[in-house]
Amino acid sequence: MTVSIEQENIERGVAYLDSIDLEWRSRVDVDTLDMTQEQSDVLAQVTGMSFYDAVAAATLSSGEHWSDGLRRWAIEHGFSLPYISDEDEARQAWHDFTEAWRQEVSRG
């Protein structure tokens, strides 16, 4: 089974980032961008918060517990991927996901 990177999810994420800062792309270092790292992913680089804190802030959650709702929001907005049980497949999917965001950031 191959996980596809849903471009429409990334587009929702772009719309969210545009809503908080139209210049968000200038705050992302594509060389250090890594969607597997909560301090180096696109949300962390744009907001200055960890991935989890940024998702909690975006969803107006207290952030005390990582819930299915927060996970779903992150996936639907292209900031995370669904769980992938196969380790090799997961590694490739996260690599492709980071590359998709690098391309998106470079568009601006």
N, C-alpha and C. Protein backbone atom coordinates (compact mmCIF):
# COMPACT_ATOMS: atom_id res chain seq x y z
N MET A 1 0.84 -1.19 0.00
CA MET A 1 0.00 0.00 0.00
C MET A 1 0.88 1.24 0.00
N THR A 2 0.60 2.17 -0.87
CA THR A 2 1.35 3.41 -0.95
C THR A 2 0.50 4.56 -0.44
N VAL A 3 1.10 5.40 0.37
CA VAL A 3 0.39 6.57 0.89
C VAL A 3 0.60 7.71 -0.09
N SER A 4 -0.49 8.30 -0.50
CA SER A 4 -0.35 9.44 -1.41
C SER A 4 -0.40 10.74 -0.60
N ILE A 5 0.39 11.68 -1.04
CA ILE A 5 0.38 13.00 -0.41
C ILE A 5 -0.79 13.75 -1.03
N GLU A 6 -1.77 14.08 -0.23
CA GLU A 6 -2.97 14.76 -0.71
C GLU A 6 -2.69 16.25 -0.89
N GLN A 7 -2.57 16.67 -2.12
CA GLN A 7 -2.29 18.08 -2.41
C GLN A 7 -3.39 18.98 -1.86
N GLU A 8 -4.64 18.51 -1.88
CA GLU A 8 -5.72 19.36 -1.36
C GLU A 8 -5.56 19.60 0.14
N ASN A 9 -4.98 18.64 0.86
CA ASN A 9 -4.70 18.87 2.28
C ASN A 9 -3.64 19.95 2.45
N ILE A 10 -2.59 19.87 1.65
CA ILE A 10 -1.54 20.89 1.71
C ILE A 10 -2.13 22.25 1.33
N GLU A 11 -3.01 22.28 0.36
CA GLU A 11 -3.65 23.55 -0.03
C GLU A 11 -4.46 24.14 1.13
N ARG A 12 -5.13 23.28 1.92
CA ARG A 12 -5.84 23.78 3.11
C ARG A 12 -4.84 24.33 4.11
N GLY A 13 -3.69 23.66 4.24
CA GLY A 13 -2.65 24.16 5.13
C GLY A 13 -2.11 25.50 4.68
N VAL A 14 -1.91 25.65 3.38
CA VAL A 14 -1.46 26.93 2.83
C VAL A 14 -2.48 28.02 3.13
N ALA A 15 -3.75 27.71 2.94
CA ALA A 15 -4.81 28.69 3.23
C ALA A 15 -4.79 29.08 4.71
N TYR A 16 -4.58 28.10 5.58
CA TYR A 16 -4.49 28.41 7.01
C TYR A 16 -3.29 29.32 7.27
N LEU A 17 -2.12 28.97 6.74
CA LEU A 17 -0.93 29.79 6.96
C LEU A 17 -1.11 31.19 6.39
N ASP A 18 -1.74 31.29 5.21
CA ASP A 18 -2.03 32.61 4.64
C ASP A 18 -2.93 33.42 5.56
N SER A 19 -3.84 32.75 6.26
CA SER A 19 -4.77 33.46 7.15
C SER A 19 -4.08 34.03 8.38
N ILE A 20 -2.94 33.44 8.76
CA ILE A 20 -2.25 33.97 9.94
C ILE A 20 -1.06 34.87 9.57
N ASP A 21 -0.53 34.70 8.36
CA ASP A 21 0.62 35.51 7.94
C ASP A 21 0.84 35.33 6.44
N LEU A 22 0.54 36.34 5.67
CA LEU A 22 0.69 36.23 4.22
C LEU A 22 2.15 36.07 3.79
N GLU A 23 3.06 36.42 4.65
CA GLU A 23 4.50 36.31 4.36
C GLU A 23 5.12 35.06 4.98
N TRP A 24 4.31 34.06 5.30
CA TRP A 24 4.80 32.88 6.02
C TRP A 24 5.93 32.17 5.30
N ARG A 25 5.91 32.16 3.98
CA ARG A 25 6.95 31.43 3.23
C ARG A 25 8.35 31.98 3.53
N SER A 26 8.45 33.27 3.79
CA SER A 26 9.75 33.87 4.06
C SER A 26 10.32 33.42 5.41
N ARG A 27 9.50 32.83 6.24
CA ARG A 27 9.95 32.38 7.56
C ARG A 27 10.30 30.90 7.58
N VAL A 28 10.20 30.22 6.44
CA VAL A 28 10.49 28.79 6.38
C VAL A 28 11.85 28.58 5.71
N ASP A 29 12.72 27.88 6.40
CA ASP A 29 14.02 27.51 5.85
C ASP A 29 13.86 26.13 5.21
N VAL A 30 13.80 26.09 3.88
CA VAL A 30 13.56 24.81 3.20
C VAL A 30 14.71 23.82 3.42
N ASP A 31 15.90 24.31 3.72
CA ASP A 31 17.03 23.42 3.95
C ASP A 31 16.88 22.64 5.26
N THR A 32 16.23 23.22 6.24
CA THR A 32 16.06 22.54 7.53
C THR A 32 14.63 22.02 7.71
N LEU A 33 13.76 22.30 6.77
CA LEU A 33 12.37 21.84 6.86
C LEU A 33 12.33 20.32 6.93
N ASP A 34 11.68 19.81 7.94
CA ASP A 34 11.56 18.36 8.13
C ASP A 34 10.21 18.12 8.80
N MET A 35 9.28 17.57 8.05
CA MET A 35 7.92 17.38 8.56
C MET A 35 7.85 16.29 9.62
N THR A 36 8.94 15.57 9.88
CA THR A 36 8.94 14.57 10.95
C THR A 36 9.40 15.15 12.27
N GLN A 37 9.88 16.37 12.28
CA GLN A 37 10.44 16.99 13.47
C GLN A 37 9.54 18.13 13.96
N GLU A 38 9.04 18.00 15.18
CA GLU A 38 8.07 18.98 15.67
C GLU A 38 8.63 20.40 15.82
N GLN A 39 9.94 20.56 15.81
CA GLN A 39 10.53 21.90 15.89
C GLN A 39 11.00 22.41 14.53
N SER A 40 10.97 21.55 13.51
CA SER A 40 11.48 21.93 12.19
C SER A 40 10.44 21.83 11.09
N ASP A 41 9.22 21.41 11.45
CA ASP A 41 8.17 21.30 10.43
C ASP A 41 7.69 22.70 10.06
N VAL A 42 6.84 22.78 9.08
CA VAL A 42 6.39 24.08 8.57
C VAL A 42 5.64 24.88 9.63
N LEU A 43 4.79 24.23 10.41
CA LEU A 43 4.05 24.95 11.45
C LEU A 43 4.99 25.54 12.50
N ALA A 44 5.96 24.76 12.93
CA ALA A 44 6.90 25.24 13.93
C ALA A 44 7.71 26.43 13.41
N GLN A 45 8.16 26.33 12.17
CA GLN A 45 8.96 27.41 11.61
C GLN A 45 8.14 28.69 11.43
N VAL A 46 6.89 28.56 11.07
CA VAL A 46 6.06 29.75 10.85
C VAL A 46 5.58 30.35 12.16
N THR A 47 5.14 29.51 13.10
CA THR A 47 4.54 30.03 14.32
C THR A 47 5.52 30.23 15.46
N GLY A 48 6.68 29.58 15.40
CA GLY A 48 7.62 29.66 16.51
C GLY A 48 7.22 28.76 17.67
N MET A 49 6.22 27.91 17.47
CA MET A 49 5.77 26.97 18.49
C MET A 49 6.11 25.56 18.03
N SER A 50 6.02 24.62 18.94
CA SER A 50 6.16 23.23 18.52
C SER A 50 4.95 22.85 17.67
N PHE A 51 5.08 21.78 16.92
CA PHE A 51 3.98 21.30 16.09
C PHE A 51 2.71 21.14 16.92
N TYR A 52 2.82 20.46 18.07
CA TYR A 52 1.64 20.19 18.90
C TYR A 52 1.01 21.46 19.43
N ASP A 53 1.82 22.40 19.90
CA ASP A 53 1.29 23.67 20.39
C ASP A 53 0.64 24.46 19.26
N ALA A 54 1.23 24.43 18.07
CA ALA A 54 0.67 25.17 16.93
C ALA A 54 -0.67 24.59 16.51
N VAL A 55 -0.79 23.26 16.51
CA VAL A 55 -2.08 22.63 16.16
C VAL A 55 -3.12 22.97 17.22
N ALA A 56 -2.73 22.91 18.48
CA ALA A 56 -3.67 23.25 19.56
C ALA A 56 -4.13 24.70 19.43
N ALA A 57 -3.21 25.61 19.12
CA ALA A 57 -3.57 27.01 18.94
C ALA A 57 -4.49 27.21 17.74
N ALA A 58 -4.21 26.51 16.65
CA ALA A 58 -5.02 26.64 15.44
C ALA A 58 -6.44 26.15 15.65
N THR A 59 -6.59 25.14 16.49
CA THR A 59 -7.91 24.55 16.71
C THR A 59 -8.57 25.10 17.97
N LEU A 60 -7.92 26.06 18.60
CA LEU A 60 -8.41 26.67 19.84
C LEU A 60 -8.62 25.62 20.93
N SER A 61 -7.74 24.65 20.95
CA SER A 61 -7.77 23.59 21.95
C SER A 61 -6.86 23.97 23.10
N SER A 62 -7.15 23.42 24.25
CA SER A 62 -6.28 23.68 25.40
C SER A 62 -4.92 23.03 25.20
N GLY A 63 -4.86 22.03 24.31
CA GLY A 63 -3.59 21.37 24.02
C GLY A 63 -3.12 20.44 25.12
N GLU A 64 -3.98 20.21 26.12
CA GLU A 64 -3.58 19.35 27.23
C GLU A 64 -3.47 17.89 26.80
N HIS A 65 -4.27 17.49 25.84
CA HIS A 65 -4.27 16.10 25.38
C HIS A 65 -4.25 16.09 23.86
N TRP A 66 -3.41 15.24 23.29
CA TRP A 66 -3.38 15.08 21.84
C TRP A 66 -4.54 14.17 21.47
N SER A 67 -5.54 14.70 20.83
CA SER A 67 -6.76 13.95 20.56
C SER A 67 -6.88 13.59 19.09
N ASP A 68 -7.84 12.71 18.80
CA ASP A 68 -8.12 12.35 17.41
C ASP A 68 -8.53 13.57 16.61
N GLY A 69 -9.25 14.50 17.23
CA GLY A 69 -9.67 15.72 16.54
C GLY A 69 -8.48 16.58 16.12
N LEU A 70 -7.51 16.69 16.99
CA LEU A 70 -6.30 17.47 16.65
C LEU A 70 -5.51 16.76 15.55
N ARG A 71 -5.39 15.46 15.68
CA ARG A 71 -4.68 14.68 14.66
C ARG A 71 -5.38 14.82 13.30
N ARG A 72 -6.71 14.71 13.31
CA ARG A 72 -7.49 14.82 12.06
C ARG A 72 -7.30 16.21 11.44
N TRP A 73 -7.35 17.26 12.26
CA TRP A 73 -7.15 18.62 11.74
C TRP A 73 -5.77 18.73 11.09
N ALA A 74 -4.74 18.20 11.76
CA ALA A 74 -3.37 18.28 11.23
C ALA A 74 -3.25 17.55 9.90
N ILE A 75 -3.89 16.39 9.79
CA ILE A 75 -3.85 15.64 8.53
C ILE A 75 -4.63 16.37 7.45
N GLU A 76 -5.83 16.83 7.79
CA GLU A 76 -6.69 17.51 6.80
C GLU A 76 -6.08 18.81 6.30
N HIS A 77 -5.17 19.40 7.08
CA HIS A 77 -4.53 20.65 6.67
C HIS A 77 -3.10 20.43 6.18
N GLY A 78 -2.76 19.17 5.91
CA GLY A 78 -1.47 18.88 5.30
C GLY A 78 -0.28 19.08 6.21
N PHE A 79 -0.49 19.02 7.52
CA PHE A 79 0.63 19.18 8.45
C PHE A 79 1.08 17.85 9.05
N SER A 80 0.36 16.78 8.74
CA SER A 80 0.72 15.46 9.24
C SER A 80 0.19 14.41 8.27
N LEU A 81 0.64 13.19 8.46
CA LEU A 81 0.17 12.06 7.66
C LEU A 81 -0.56 11.08 8.56
N PRO A 82 -1.45 10.30 7.99
CA PRO A 82 -2.07 9.23 8.78
C PRO A 82 -1.01 8.21 9.18
N TYR A 83 -1.32 7.44 10.20
CA TYR A 83 -0.40 6.40 10.67
C TYR A 83 -0.11 5.40 9.55
N ILE A 84 1.17 5.04 9.42
CA ILE A 84 1.62 4.07 8.42
C ILE A 84 2.38 2.99 9.18
N SER A 85 1.90 1.77 9.13
CA SER A 85 2.49 0.70 9.94
C SER A 85 3.82 0.19 9.40
N ASP A 86 3.98 0.17 8.09
CA ASP A 86 5.22 -0.32 7.50
C ASP A 86 6.31 0.75 7.64
N GLU A 87 7.40 0.39 8.29
CA GLU A 87 8.46 1.36 8.57
C GLU A 87 9.09 1.96 7.31
N ASP A 88 9.39 1.15 6.32
CA ASP A 88 9.98 1.66 5.08
C ASP A 88 9.00 2.56 4.34
N GLU A 89 7.76 2.14 4.30
CA GLU A 89 6.74 2.95 3.63
C GLU A 89 6.55 4.27 4.37
N ALA A 90 6.56 4.23 5.68
CA ALA A 90 6.41 5.45 6.47
C ALA A 90 7.57 6.41 6.21
N ARG A 91 8.78 5.88 6.21
CA ARG A 91 9.96 6.72 5.96
C ARG A 91 9.86 7.41 4.60
N GLN A 92 9.46 6.65 3.58
CA GLN A 92 9.33 7.21 2.23
C GLN A 92 8.21 8.24 2.17
N ALA A 93 7.10 7.94 2.80
CA ALA A 93 5.96 8.86 2.78
C ALA A 93 6.32 10.18 3.45
N TRP A 94 6.99 10.12 4.60
CA TRP A 94 7.38 11.36 5.28
C TRP A 94 8.42 12.14 4.49
N HIS A 95 9.32 11.43 3.82
CA HIS A 95 10.29 12.10 2.95
C HIS A 95 9.54 12.83 1.82
N ASP A 96 8.62 12.13 1.16
CA ASP A 96 7.84 12.74 0.07
C ASP A 96 7.01 13.91 0.57
N PHE A 97 6.48 13.78 1.77
CA PHE A 97 5.67 14.83 2.39
C PHE A 97 6.52 16.09 2.62
N THR A 98 7.70 15.90 3.15
CA THR A 98 8.61 17.04 3.34
C THR A 98 8.95 17.69 2.00
N GLU A 99 9.21 16.87 0.99
CA GLU A 99 9.51 17.41 -0.35
C GLU A 99 8.33 18.19 -0.92
N ALA A 100 7.12 17.70 -0.70
CA ALA A 100 5.93 18.41 -1.18
C ALA A 100 5.82 19.79 -0.53
N TRP A 101 6.11 19.85 0.76
CA TRP A 101 6.09 21.16 1.43
C TRP A 101 7.24 22.05 0.96
N ARG A 102 8.40 21.50 0.72
CA ARG A 102 9.51 22.31 0.19
C ARG A 102 9.12 22.93 -1.14
N GLN A 103 8.48 22.16 -1.99
CA GLN A 103 8.03 22.69 -3.28
C GLN A 103 6.99 23.78 -3.08
N GLU A 104 6.08 23.57 -2.15
CA GLU A 104 5.04 24.57 -1.87
C GLU A 104 5.65 25.88 -1.36
N VAL A 105 6.59 25.76 -0.46
CA VAL A 105 7.24 26.96 0.09
C VAL A 105 7.98 27.71 -1.01
N SER A 106 8.61 26.97 -1.90
CA SER A 106 9.39 27.58 -2.98
C SER A 106 8.54 28.25 -4.05
N ARG A 107 7.26 27.92 -4.10
CA ARG A 107 6.36 28.56 -5.07
C ARG A 107 6.20 30.04 -4.86
N GLY A 108 6.26 30.43 -3.61
CA GLY A 108 6.00 31.82 -3.25
C GLY A 108 7.06 32.70 -3.68
